[in-house]
Protein backbone atom coordinates (compact mmCIF):
# COMPACT_ATOMS: atom_id res chain seq x y z
CA MET A 1 455.70 165.30 5.73
CA GLU A 2 453.56 163.36 8.17
CA VAL A 3 453.79 159.56 8.12
CA ARG A 4 450.63 157.88 9.36
CA ALA A 5 451.57 154.25 8.84
CA LEU A 6 454.63 152.44 7.57
CA ARG A 7 455.62 148.82 7.26
CA LEU A 8 458.89 148.22 5.47
CA SER A 9 461.08 145.22 4.90
CA TYR A 10 464.22 145.57 2.85
CA CYS A 11 466.65 143.08 1.41
CA PHE A 12 469.95 144.10 -0.17
CA GLN A 13 470.56 142.27 -3.46
CA VAL A 14 474.11 141.03 -4.13
CA GLN A 15 475.60 138.11 -6.09
CA LYS A 16 475.22 135.64 -3.23
CA ILE A 17 472.07 135.37 -1.16
CA ASN A 18 472.02 138.11 1.43
CA GLN A 19 470.56 136.65 4.59
CA ASP A 20 470.05 139.97 6.37
CA ARG A 21 466.62 141.54 6.76
CA GLY A 22 465.35 144.70 8.35
CA SER A 23 461.91 145.90 9.27
CA ILE A 24 460.20 149.03 10.52
CA GLU A 25 456.84 148.97 12.28
CA TYR A 26 455.18 152.37 12.53
CA PRO A 27 452.98 153.15 14.28
CA LEU A 28 453.48 150.62 17.03
CA LEU A 29 450.49 150.27 19.36
CA ASP A 30 448.60 152.99 17.44
CA ASN A 31 450.79 155.80 18.74
CA ASP A 32 454.01 157.58 17.85
CA GLN A 33 456.28 154.68 18.82
CA ALA A 34 458.22 152.78 16.16
CA LEU A 35 460.07 149.48 16.09
CA PHE A 36 463.26 149.20 14.02
CA CYS A 37 464.71 145.69 13.64
CA VAL A 38 467.71 144.11 11.93
CA PHE A 39 467.89 140.33 11.56
CA ASP A 40 471.28 138.85 10.68
CA GLY A 41 470.70 135.49 9.01
CA HIS A 42 473.40 132.80 9.05
CA GLY A 43 473.78 129.27 7.75
CA PRO A 44 471.59 127.20 5.48
CA GLN A 45 468.38 129.08 4.70
CA GLY A 46 469.33 131.91 7.05
CA GLU A 47 467.55 134.32 4.71
CA LYS A 48 464.26 132.48 5.26
CA ILE A 49 464.62 132.66 9.03
CA SER A 50 465.49 136.35 9.09
CA ASP A 51 462.66 137.06 6.62
CA PHE A 52 460.18 135.18 8.84
CA CYS A 53 461.31 137.07 11.93
CA SER A 54 461.08 140.46 10.20
CA ARG A 55 457.48 139.71 9.20
CA GLU A 56 456.32 138.28 12.54
CA VAL A 57 457.98 140.25 15.35
CA GLY A 58 455.64 143.28 15.16
CA GLY A 59 452.52 141.14 15.44
CA LEU A 60 453.87 139.28 18.46
CA LEU A 61 454.64 142.54 20.23
CA GLU A 62 451.30 144.13 19.42
CA ALA A 63 449.40 141.01 20.57
CA ASN A 64 449.92 142.09 24.18
CA PRO A 65 450.16 145.90 24.32
CA ALA A 66 449.91 146.08 28.12
CA ARG A 67 452.99 143.85 28.55
CA LEU A 68 454.87 145.76 25.86
CA GLN A 69 454.30 149.05 27.63
CA ARG A 70 454.81 147.73 31.17
CA ASP A 71 457.99 145.69 30.67
CA THR A 72 459.31 146.35 27.17
CA LYS A 73 462.76 144.79 27.54
CA ARG A 74 461.57 141.52 29.07
CA PHE A 75 458.62 141.19 26.72
CA LEU A 76 460.81 141.79 23.66
CA GLY A 77 463.11 138.99 24.84
CA GLU A 78 460.14 136.66 25.31
CA CYS A 79 458.92 137.46 21.80
CA ILE A 80 462.32 136.58 20.35
CA VAL A 81 462.17 133.24 22.18
CA ALA A 82 458.61 132.74 20.83
CA LEU A 83 459.86 133.40 17.29
CA SER A 84 462.55 130.78 17.80
CA ASN A 85 459.96 128.27 19.03
CA LEU A 86 457.76 128.96 15.99
CA ILE A 87 460.71 128.17 13.72
CA ASP A 88 461.60 124.90 15.47
């Protein structure tokens, strides 16, 4: 089976609020790359923070494809900092 596009966020349902979120971005940068993320929420409203991050991280990365391809590790770190600044 060929997958052409996939965007998935999943939340496990348990008795207490599960604050963990995961996301898959495929394709990333219109090619065969994929981004798999897990966000481990903690504290008051941690589920809202991890949900926000799972929805926004792919867009931040794809906003600057040249940087993502040239210096993936550094750019990913900068995007995580940018997510934190958007939350504050």
